[in-house]
Amino acid sequence: MNCFLKPSSNSELPGIGNSVPRRRSLNLINIVKAVLVAAGIFCSCNVLKAADTELATTTISSNLTATATGNSSTNFANVLDDKYRLVIGDQLSFQVIEDEDDPVHLVVTDSGDLQVPYIGRYPAVGKTCKELAQDLKVELEKEYYKQATVIVAVDLKPGSRGKIYLVGAIGAPGPQDISSDEVLTVSKAILRAGGFTGYADEKNVKVTRSAGGGTSGDKTFVVNVSRILEDGKTADDLPLQPGDLIFIPERMIRF
C-alpha cells in the first residue's frame, strides 16, 4: 500500500513550535508511513493466508473424492460372499452401482443360468457371488461400461438343491434331498438312510454321476466307506451332487 503525505511545516504541526527541530517532524511522518505500510502488509498476508487455506481444503476434498471413487470397486468386491456356491433356484439381486438404479431380481434357472441385463443368459451355478460379480464386470466393460461396479447377493436360497438316490444293501433305499446349505457326502447319505445291511460291501460303494451338458458318458467313483467310518479318512468322502446314484453292493462271500 502506497501512502502519500503532504509535507508540513513546523507551524502546521499541532503542538510543535519553531523550537522543535525539523527532523523530529520528519521522524513522526516516517513512523506514520511505517504503520500504514505494516497495516497494508498484514491485510495482504491475511488475504493470501485465507486463499491458501481455501485452496488446500479444496485440494484435500478433491483428493479424498477421487480416492473414494477410485477404490469403490475394490471396497464393494471385498464384501461380496465368496463361500456359498450358487445352485438352481437361488434368488439373487443384481446391481451396477454406476447406473444408480435399484437392484434387479434374478433367479438361477433349471439350466443353471441367469438372465442378466445387457448380457442375456449367463452361467451361474457353482460360482460364488464374488466370482460371478467379477465375471459380469468383465463382460459389461467389454461393450457397455467404461467402469462397472457389480453387486450380486443371494436374497433367498431354495430348500433343496436336488436329490440323490441310494439303492442296494442299505437300510432305507430311495431318494434323499440335498439341503441348499449343506455338503452331503457318501458316508452321510448312507448313515441318513439307516446304514449298511449285514451283507453290504462297505469297501466298494459305487457312485454314478451323469456327465450332463450334453456330454456323453457317465462317471463312476468307487468309495471305501468302511475306511471313512472306521478309520476317519474323511478326505476320501466324496461330496455328492444332485442326480448322483449311490449303489451299495453285497459281499460275494457272506460270513
C-alpha atoms as a PDB file:
ATOM      1  CA  MET A   1       0.000   0.000   0.000  1.00  0.00           C
ATOM      2  CA  ASN A   2       1.419   3.323  -1.044  1.00  0.00           C
ATOM      3  CA  CYS A   3       0.729   6.286   1.180  1.00  0.00           C
ATOM      4  CA  PHE A   4       1.408   9.885   0.200  1.00  0.00           C
ATOM      5  CA  LEU A   5       1.524  12.560   2.888  1.00  0.00           C
ATOM      6  CA  LYS A   6       1.843  16.222   2.171  1.00  0.00           C
ATOM      7  CA  PRO A   7       4.939  17.677   3.879  1.00  0.00           C
ATOM      8  CA  SER A   8       4.014  20.159   6.559  1.00  0.00           C
ATOM      9  CA  SER A   9       5.951  22.983   8.026  1.00  0.00           C
ATOM     10  CA  ASN A  10       6.673  23.202  11.696  1.00  0.00           C
ATOM     11  CA  SER A  11       3.968  25.784  12.107  1.00  0.00           C
ATOM     12  CA  GLU A  12       1.325  23.489  10.597  1.00  0.00           C
ATOM     13  CA  LEU A  13       2.029  20.642  13.035  1.00  0.00           C
ATOM     14  CA  PRO A  14      -0.159  20.904  16.122  1.00  0.00           C
ATOM     15  CA  GLY A  15       1.762  21.237  19.337  1.00  0.00           C
ATOM     16  CA  ILE A  16       5.048  21.698  17.564  1.00  0.00           C
ATOM     17  CA  GLY A  17       6.598  25.106  17.560  1.00  0.00           C
ATOM     18  CA  ASN A  18       9.605  26.573  15.946  1.00  0.00           C
ATOM     19  CA  SER A  19      11.599  25.303  18.897  1.00  0.00           C
ATOM     20  CA  VAL A  20      11.177  21.626  17.752  1.00  0.00           C
ATOM     21  CA  PRO A  21      13.824  20.575  15.256  1.00  0.00           C
ATOM     22  CA  ARG A  22      12.599  19.838  11.762  1.00  0.00           C
ATOM     23  CA  ARG A  23      13.999  16.266  11.823  1.00  0.00           C
ATOM     24  CA  ARG A  24      11.594  15.379  14.671  1.00  0.00           C
ATOM     25  CA  SER A  25       8.695  16.245  12.357  1.00  0.00           C
ATOM     26  CA  LEU A  26      10.134  14.078   9.641  1.00  0.00           C
ATOM     27  CA  ASN A  27      10.588  11.200  12.110  1.00  0.00           C
ATOM     28  CA  LEU A  28       6.901  11.374  13.070  1.00  0.00           C
ATOM     29  CA  ILE A  29       5.903  11.321   9.411  1.00  0.00           C
ATOM     30  CA  ASN A  30       8.150   8.304   8.809  1.00  0.00           C
ATOM     31  CA  ILE A  31       6.564   6.478  11.783  1.00  0.00           C
ATOM     32  CA  VAL A  32       3.078   7.099  10.369  1.00  0.00           C
ATOM     33  CA  LYS A  33       4.216   5.799   6.975  1.00  0.00           C
ATOM     34  CA  ALA A  34       5.706   2.691   8.582  1.00  0.00           C
ATOM     35  CA  VAL A  35       2.464   1.974  10.472  1.00  0.00           C
ATOM     36  CA  LEU A  36       0.369   2.331   7.338  1.00  0.00           C
ATOM     37  CA  VAL A  37       2.732   0.101   5.294  1.00  0.00           C
ATOM     38  CA  ALA A  38       2.754  -2.537   8.029  1.00  0.00           C
ATOM     39  CA  ALA A  39      -1.047  -2.474   8.165  1.00  0.00           C
ATOM     40  CA  GLY A  40      -1.165  -2.993   4.391  1.00  0.00           C
ATOM     41  CA  ILE A  41       1.236  -5.946   4.576  1.00  0.00           C
ATOM     42  CA  PHE A  42      -0.794  -7.511   7.426  1.00  0.00           C
ATOM     43  CA  CYS A  43      -4.016  -7.278   5.434  1.00  0.00           C
ATOM     44  CA  SER A  44      -2.360  -8.731   2.363  1.00  0.00           C
ATOM     45  CA  CYS A  45      -0.972 -11.637   4.402  1.00  0.00           C
ATOM     46  CA  ASN A  46      -4.411 -12.402   5.816  1.00  0.00           C
ATOM     47  CA  VAL A  47      -5.943 -12.398   2.336  1.00  0.00           C
ATOM     48  CA  LEU A  48      -3.218 -14.673   1.000  1.00  0.00           C
ATOM     49  CA  LYS A  49      -3.483 -16.976   4.030  1.00  0.00           C
ATOM     50  CA  ALA A  50      -7.237 -17.278   3.583  1.00  0.00           C
ATOM     51  CA  ALA A  51      -6.804 -18.031  -0.125  1.00  0.00           C
ATOM     52  CA  ASP A  52      -4.161 -20.667   0.610  1.00  0.00           C
ATOM     53  CA  THR A  53      -6.394 -22.291   3.229  1.00  0.00           C
ATOM     54  CA  GLU A  54      -9.340 -22.423   0.844  1.00  0.00           C
ATOM     55  CA  LEU A  55      -7.165 -23.885  -1.918  1.00  0.00           C
ATOM     56  CA  ALA A  56      -5.717 -26.521   0.421  1.00  0.00           C
ATOM     57  CA  THR A  57      -9.201 -27.504   1.634  1.00  0.00           C
ATOM     58  CA  THR A  58     -10.463 -27.826  -1.930  1.00  0.00           C
ATOM     59  CA  THR A  59      -7.448 -29.916  -2.935  1.00  0.00           C
ATOM     60  CA  ILE A  60      -7.825 -32.280   0.029  1.00  0.00           C
ATOM     61  CA  SER A  61     -11.546 -32.734  -0.647  1.00  0.00           C
ATOM     62  CA  SER A  62     -10.879 -33.438  -4.299  1.00  0.00           C
ATOM     63  CA  ASN A  63      -8.212 -35.998  -3.453  1.00  0.00           C
ATOM     64  CA  LEU A  64     -10.500 -37.770  -0.965  1.00  0.00           C
ATOM     65  CA  THR A  65     -13.305 -37.868  -3.508  1.00  0.00           C
ATOM     66  CA  ALA A  66     -11.006 -39.228  -6.189  1.00  0.00           C
ATOM     67  CA  THR A  67      -9.625 -41.835  -3.815  1.00  0.00           C
ATOM     68  CA  ALA A  68     -13.057 -42.969  -2.700  1.00  0.00           C
ATOM     69  CA  THR A  69     -14.259 -43.163  -6.282  1.00  0.00           C
ATOM     70  CA  GLY A  70     -11.192 -44.997  -7.459  1.00  0.00           C
ATOM     71  CA  ASN A  71     -11.407 -47.628  -4.726  1.00  0.00           C
ATOM     72  CA  SER A  72     -15.185 -48.189  -4.855  1.00  0.00           C
ATOM     73  CA  SER A  73     -14.943 -51.358  -6.958  1.00  0.00           C
ATOM     74  CA  THR A  74     -12.353 -52.854  -4.622  1.00  0.00           C
ATOM     75  CA  ASN A  75     -14.328 -51.973  -1.492  1.00  0.00           C
ATOM     76  CA  PHE A  76     -17.570 -53.436  -2.827  1.00  0.00           C
ATOM     77  CA  ALA A  77     -15.808 -56.567  -4.080  1.00  0.00           C
ATOM     78  CA  ASN A  78     -14.355 -57.196  -0.640  1.00  0.00           C
ATOM     79  CA  VAL A  79     -17.793 -57.512   0.967  1.00  0.00           C
ATOM     80  CA  LEU A  80     -19.278 -59.941  -1.569  1.00  0.00           C
ATOM     81  CA  ASP A  81     -19.818 -63.535  -0.456  1.00  0.00           C
ATOM     82  CA  ASP A  82     -17.008 -65.846  -1.547  1.00  0.00           C
ATOM     83  CA  LYS A  83     -18.075 -69.020   0.304  1.00  0.00           C
ATOM     84  CA  TYR A  84     -21.550 -70.098  -0.783  1.00  0.00           C
ATOM     85  CA  ARG A  85     -21.781 -71.542  -4.313  1.00  0.00           C
ATOM     86  CA  LEU A  86     -24.901 -70.797  -6.288  1.00  0.00           C
ATOM     87  CA  VAL A  87     -27.393 -73.547  -7.078  1.00  0.00           C
ATOM     88  CA  ILE A  88     -30.542 -73.875  -9.161  1.00  0.00           C
ATOM     89  CA  GLY A  89     -33.407 -71.927  -7.636  1.00  0.00           C
ATOM     90  CA  ASP A  90     -31.294 -69.284  -5.887  1.00  0.00           C
ATOM     91  CA  GLN A  91     -32.899 -65.844  -5.993  1.00  0.00           C
ATOM     92  CA  LEU A  92     -30.386 -63.030  -6.412  1.00  0.00           C
ATOM     93  CA  SER A  93     -30.224 -59.256  -6.522  1.00  0.00           C
ATOM     94  CA  PHE A  94     -28.060 -57.706  -9.251  1.00  0.00           C
ATOM     95  CA  GLN A  95     -26.959 -54.088  -9.405  1.00  0.00           C
ATOM     96  CA  VAL A  96     -24.488 -51.908 -11.279  1.00  0.00           C
ATOM     97  CA  ILE A  97     -23.607 -49.028  -8.947  1.00  0.00           C
ATOM     98  CA  GLU A  98     -22.840 -46.642 -11.801  1.00  0.00           C
ATOM     99  CA  ASP A  99     -26.452 -46.909 -13.043  1.00  0.00           C
ATOM    100  CA  GLU A 100     -27.798 -45.538  -9.745  1.00  0.00           C
ATOM    101  CA  ASP A 101     -30.834 -47.821 -10.232  1.00  0.00           C
ATOM    102  CA  ASP A 102     -32.480 -50.198  -7.782  1.00  0.00           C
ATOM    103  CA  PRO A 103     -31.240 -53.829  -7.724  1.00  0.00           C
ATOM    104  CA  VAL A 104     -32.738 -56.203 -10.293  1.00  0.00           C
ATOM    105  CA  HIS A 105     -34.239 -59.516  -9.135  1.00  0.00           C
ATOM    106  CA  LEU A 106     -32.745 -62.601 -10.854  1.00  0.00           C
ATOM    107  CA  VAL A 107     -33.328 -66.360 -10.459  1.00  0.00           C
ATOM    108  CA  VAL A 108     -30.918 -69.181 -11.268  1.00  0.00           C
ATOM    109  CA  THR A 109     -32.903 -71.246 -13.787  1.00  0.00           C
ATOM    110  CA  ASP A 110     -33.040 -75.017 -14.171  1.00  0.00           C
ATOM    111  CA  SER A 111     -30.302 -74.740 -16.787  1.00  0.00           C
ATOM    112  CA  GLY A 112     -28.035 -73.078 -14.226  1.00  0.00           C
ATOM    113  CA  ASP A 113     -28.140 -69.689 -15.959  1.00  0.00           C
ATOM    114  CA  LEU A 114     -29.173 -66.142 -15.116  1.00  0.00           C
ATOM    115  CA  GLN A 115     -30.909 -63.695 -17.450  1.00  0.00           C
ATOM    116  CA  VAL A 116     -28.586 -60.726 -16.864  1.00  0.00           C
ATOM    117  CA  PRO A 117     -29.437 -57.214 -18.154  1.00  0.00           C
ATOM    118  CA  TYR A 118     -27.416 -56.241 -21.251  1.00  0.00           C
ATOM    119  CA  ILE A 119     -25.678 -59.627 -21.327  1.00  0.00           C
ATOM    120  CA  GLY A 120     -28.520 -62.147 -21.527  1.00  0.00           C
ATOM    121  CA  ARG A 121     -28.127 -65.762 -20.415  1.00  0.00           C
ATOM    122  CA  TYR A 122     -25.032 -66.276 -18.294  1.00  0.00           C
ATOM    123  CA  PRO A 123     -23.910 -69.415 -16.342  1.00  0.00           C
ATOM    124  CA  ALA A 124     -24.104 -69.020 -12.560  1.00  0.00           C
ATOM    125  CA  VAL A 125     -24.320 -72.456 -10.899  1.00  0.00           C
ATOM    126  CA  GLY A 126     -21.218 -73.386  -8.916  1.00  0.00           C
ATOM    127  CA  LYS A 127     -19.923 -69.810  -8.642  1.00  0.00           C
ATOM    128  CA  THR A 128     -19.797 -67.614  -5.555  1.00  0.00           C
ATOM    129  CA  CYS A 129     -21.361 -64.148  -5.607  1.00  0.00           C
ATOM    130  CA  LYS A 130     -17.874 -62.627  -5.698  1.00  0.00           C
ATOM    131  CA  GLU A 131     -16.775 -64.778  -8.657  1.00  0.00           C
ATOM    132  CA  LEU A 132     -19.996 -64.088 -10.563  1.00  0.00           C
ATOM    133  CA  ALA A 133     -19.772 -60.320  -9.955  1.00  0.00           C
ATOM    134  CA  GLN A 134     -16.179 -60.254 -11.236  1.00  0.00           C
ATOM    135  CA  ASP A 135     -17.138 -62.233 -14.362  1.00  0.00           C
ATOM    136  CA  LEU A 136     -20.108 -59.963 -15.095  1.00  0.00           C
ATOM    137  CA  LYS A 137     -17.937 -56.874 -14.580  1.00  0.00           C
ATOM    138  CA  VAL A 138     -15.565 -58.090 -17.298  1.00  0.00           C
ATOM    139  CA  GLU A 139     -18.446 -58.797 -19.691  1.00  0.00           C
ATOM    140  CA  LEU A 140     -20.134 -55.426 -19.110  1.00  0.00           C
ATOM    141  CA  GLU A 141     -16.923 -53.452 -19.547  1.00  0.00           C
ATOM    142  CA  LYS A 142     -16.262 -55.082 -22.907  1.00  0.00           C
ATOM    143  CA  GLU A 143     -19.027 -53.129 -24.591  1.00  0.00           C
ATOM    144  CA  TYR A 144     -21.422 -51.264 -22.293  1.00  0.00           C
ATOM    145  CA  TYR A 145     -19.457 -49.571 -19.497  1.00  0.00           C
ATOM    146  CA  LYS A 146     -16.157 -47.816 -19.052  1.00  0.00           C
ATOM    147  CA  GLN A 147     -16.295 -48.985 -15.431  1.00  0.00           C
ATOM    148  CA  ALA A 148     -18.896 -51.289 -13.905  1.00  0.00           C
ATOM    149  CA  THR A 149     -19.103 -51.931 -10.174  1.00  0.00           C
ATOM    150  CA  VAL A 150     -21.239 -55.066  -9.981  1.00  0.00           C
ATOM    151  CA  ILE A 151     -23.018 -56.199  -6.823  1.00  0.00           C
ATOM    152  CA  VAL A 152     -24.505 -59.706  -6.593  1.00  0.00           C
ATOM    153  CA  ALA A 153     -26.169 -61.033  -3.435  1.00  0.00           C
ATOM    154  CA  VAL A 154     -28.327 -64.033  -2.562  1.00  0.00           C
ATOM    155  CA  ASP A 155     -31.787 -62.956  -1.407  1.00  0.00           C
ATOM    156  CA  LEU A 156     -33.317 -66.413  -0.984  1.00  0.00           C
ATOM    157  CA  LYS A 157     -31.978 -69.964  -1.138  1.00  0.00           C
ATOM    158  CA  PRO A 158     -34.110 -72.918  -2.203  1.00  0.00           C
ATOM    159  CA  GLY A 159     -34.930 -75.551   0.393  1.00  0.00           C
ATOM    160  CA  SER A 160     -33.245 -78.255  -1.673  1.00  0.00           C
ATOM    161  CA  ARG A 161     -30.511 -78.346  -4.313  1.00  0.00           C
ATOM    162  CA  GLY A 162     -31.903 -81.566  -5.742  1.00  0.00           C
ATOM    163  CA  LYS A 163     -31.979 -85.281  -4.971  1.00  0.00           C
ATOM    164  CA  ILE A 164     -29.583 -88.198  -4.799  1.00  0.00           C
ATOM    165  CA  TYR A 165     -30.659 -91.855  -4.993  1.00  0.00           C
ATOM    166  CA  LEU A 166     -29.494 -94.836  -2.934  1.00  0.00           C
ATOM    167  CA  VAL A 167     -30.032 -98.471  -3.905  1.00  0.00           C
ATOM    168  CA  GLY A 168     -28.682-101.844  -2.776  1.00  0.00           C
ATOM    169  CA  ALA A 169     -27.682-103.221   0.614  1.00  0.00           C
ATOM    170  CA  ILE A 170     -28.793-100.277   2.731  1.00  0.00           C
ATOM    171  CA  GLY A 171     -31.382 -99.833   5.449  1.00  0.00           C
ATOM    172  CA  ALA A 172     -33.721 -97.396   3.653  1.00  0.00           C
ATOM    173  CA  PRO A 173     -33.017 -97.174  -0.091  1.00  0.00           C
ATOM    174  CA  GLY A 174     -34.581 -94.354  -2.062  1.00  0.00           C
ATOM    175  CA  PRO A 175     -34.160 -90.630  -2.818  1.00  0.00           C
ATOM    176  CA  GLN A 176     -32.727 -88.023  -0.462  1.00  0.00           C
ATOM    177  CA  ASP A 177     -32.831 -84.250  -0.695  1.00  0.00           C
ATOM    178  CA  ILE A 178     -29.616 -82.243  -0.649  1.00  0.00           C
ATOM    179  CA  SER A 179     -30.190 -79.200   1.500  1.00  0.00           C
ATOM    180  CA  SER A 180     -29.083 -75.918  -0.041  1.00  0.00           C
ATOM    181  CA  ASP A 181     -26.816 -75.094   2.887  1.00  0.00           C
ATOM    182  CA  GLU A 182     -25.021 -78.429   3.362  1.00  0.00           C
ATOM    183  CA  VAL A 183     -22.338 -80.536   1.758  1.00  0.00           C
ATOM    184  CA  LEU A 184     -23.789 -84.049   1.567  1.00  0.00           C
ATOM    185  CA  THR A 185     -21.172 -86.799   1.278  1.00  0.00           C
ATOM    186  CA  VAL A 186     -21.445 -90.535   0.575  1.00  0.00           C
ATOM    187  CA  SER A 187     -20.991 -91.576   4.211  1.00  0.00           C
ATOM    188  CA  LYS A 188     -23.527 -89.010   5.463  1.00  0.00           C
ATOM    189  CA  ALA A 189     -26.111 -90.166   2.914  1.00  0.00           C
ATOM    190  CA  ILE A 190     -25.634 -93.818   3.919  1.00  0.00           C
ATOM    191  CA  LEU A 191     -25.949 -93.051   7.622  1.00  0.00           C
ATOM    192  CA  ARG A 192     -29.045 -90.971   6.932  1.00  0.00           C
ATOM    193  CA  ALA A 193     -30.544 -93.946   5.101  1.00  0.00           C
ATOM    194  CA  GLY A 194     -30.133 -96.225   8.106  1.00  0.00           C
ATOM    195  CA  GLY A 195     -26.640 -97.520   7.416  1.00  0.00           C
ATOM    196  CA  PHE A 196     -25.477-100.722   5.729  1.00  0.00           C
ATOM    197  CA  THR A 197     -27.213-104.088   5.911  1.00  0.00           C
ATOM    198  CA  GLY A 198     -25.311-107.044   7.309  1.00  0.00           C
ATOM    199  CA  TYR A 199     -24.124-108.221   3.886  1.00  0.00           C
ATOM    200  CA  ALA A 200     -23.136-104.851   2.364  1.00  0.00           C
ATOM    201  CA  ASP A 201     -19.798-104.458   0.696  1.00  0.00           C
ATOM    202  CA  GLU A 202     -18.757-101.302   2.532  1.00  0.00           C
ATOM    203  CA  LYS A 203     -15.432-101.029   0.696  1.00  0.00           C
ATOM    204  CA  ASN A 204     -16.817-100.799  -2.824  1.00  0.00           C
ATOM    205  CA  VAL A 205     -19.675 -98.313  -2.799  1.00  0.00           C
ATOM    206  CA  LYS A 206     -20.244 -97.033  -6.336  1.00  0.00           C
ATOM    207  CA  VAL A 207     -21.373 -93.515  -7.190  1.00  0.00           C
ATOM    208  CA  THR A 208     -22.585 -92.927 -10.747  1.00  0.00           C
ATOM    209  CA  ARG A 209     -22.735 -89.316 -11.916  1.00  0.00           C
ATOM    210  CA  SER A 210     -24.214 -88.070 -15.150  1.00  0.00           C
ATOM    211  CA  ALA A 211     -21.784 -86.021 -17.227  1.00  0.00           C
ATOM    212  CA  GLY A 212     -24.560 -83.557 -18.092  1.00  0.00           C
ATOM    213  CA  GLY A 213     -24.389 -80.660 -20.522  1.00  0.00           C
ATOM    214  CA  GLY A 214     -24.963 -82.961 -23.476  1.00  0.00           C
ATOM    215  CA  THR A 215     -21.675 -84.766 -22.847  1.00  0.00           C
ATOM    216  CA  SER A 216     -21.864 -88.492 -23.474  1.00  0.00           C
ATOM    217  CA  GLY A 217     -20.814 -90.983 -20.807  1.00  0.00           C
ATOM    218  CA  ASP A 218     -21.275 -91.091 -17.054  1.00  0.00           C
ATOM    219  CA  LYS A 219     -18.593 -91.021 -14.379  1.00  0.00           C
ATOM    220  CA  THR A 220     -18.292 -93.757 -11.771  1.00  0.00           C
ATOM    221  CA  PHE A 221     -16.491 -93.368  -8.443  1.00  0.00           C
ATOM    222  CA  VAL A 222     -15.670 -96.204  -6.035  1.00  0.00           C
ATOM    223  CA  VAL A 223     -15.632 -95.154  -2.387  1.00  0.00           C
ATOM    224  CA  ASN A 224     -14.311 -97.181   0.541  1.00  0.00           C
ATOM    225  CA  VAL A 225     -16.885 -96.102   3.122  1.00  0.00           C
ATOM    226  CA  SER A 226     -15.581 -98.586   5.668  1.00  0.00           C
ATOM    227  CA  ARG A 227     -12.282 -96.733   5.741  1.00  0.00           C
ATOM    228  CA  ILE A 228     -14.095 -93.422   6.197  1.00  0.00           C
ATOM    229  CA  LEU A 229     -16.314 -94.564   9.064  1.00  0.00           C
ATOM    230  CA  GLU A 230     -13.865 -96.841  10.866  1.00  0.00           C
ATOM    231  CA  ASP A 231     -10.529 -95.097  10.252  1.00  0.00           C
ATOM    232  CA  GLY A 232     -11.730 -91.499   9.976  1.00  0.00           C
ATOM    233  CA  LYS A 233     -10.347 -90.966   6.459  1.00  0.00           C
ATOM    234  CA  THR A 234     -12.716 -88.093   5.704  1.00  0.00           C
ATOM    235  CA  ALA A 235     -10.581 -86.918   2.789  1.00  0.00           C
ATOM    236  CA  ASP A 236     -11.896 -89.939   0.850  1.00  0.00           C
ATOM    237  CA  ASP A 237     -15.544 -88.993   1.486  1.00  0.00           C
ATOM    238  CA  LEU A 238     -16.954 -87.921  -1.904  1.00  0.00           C
ATOM    239  CA  PRO A 239     -19.249 -84.834  -1.909  1.00  0.00           C
ATOM    240  CA  LEU A 240     -22.475 -85.683  -3.748  1.00  0.00           C
ATOM    241  CA  GLN A 241     -24.186 -83.709  -6.480  1.00  0.00           C
ATOM    242  CA  PRO A 242     -27.852 -83.627  -7.467  1.00  0.00           C
ATOM    243  CA  GLY A 243     -28.717 -86.666  -9.577  1.00  0.00           C
ATOM    244  CA  ASP A 244     -25.972 -88.937  -8.195  1.00  0.00           C
ATOM    245  CA  LEU A 245     -26.844 -92.635  -7.894  1.00  0.00           C
ATOM    246  CA  ILE A 246     -25.232 -94.472  -4.965  1.00  0.00           C
ATOM    247  CA  PHE A 247     -25.150 -98.272  -5.278  1.00  0.00           C
ATOM    248  CA  ILE A 248     -24.168-100.408  -2.303  1.00  0.00           C
ATOM    249  CA  PRO A 249     -23.318-103.942  -3.497  1.00  0.00           C
ATOM    250  CA  GLU A 250     -23.456-107.099  -1.378  1.00  0.00           C
ATOM    251  CA  ARG A 251     -20.367-109.051  -0.481  1.00  0.00           C
ATOM    252  CA  MET A 252     -19.692-112.124  -2.610  1.00  0.00           C
ATOM    253  CA  ILE A 253     -18.848-114.184   0.473  1.00  0.00           C
ATOM    254  CA  ARG A 254     -21.174-113.911   3.451  1.00  0.00           C
ATOM    255  CA  PHE A 255     -19.963-114.836   6.904  1.00  0.00           C
END
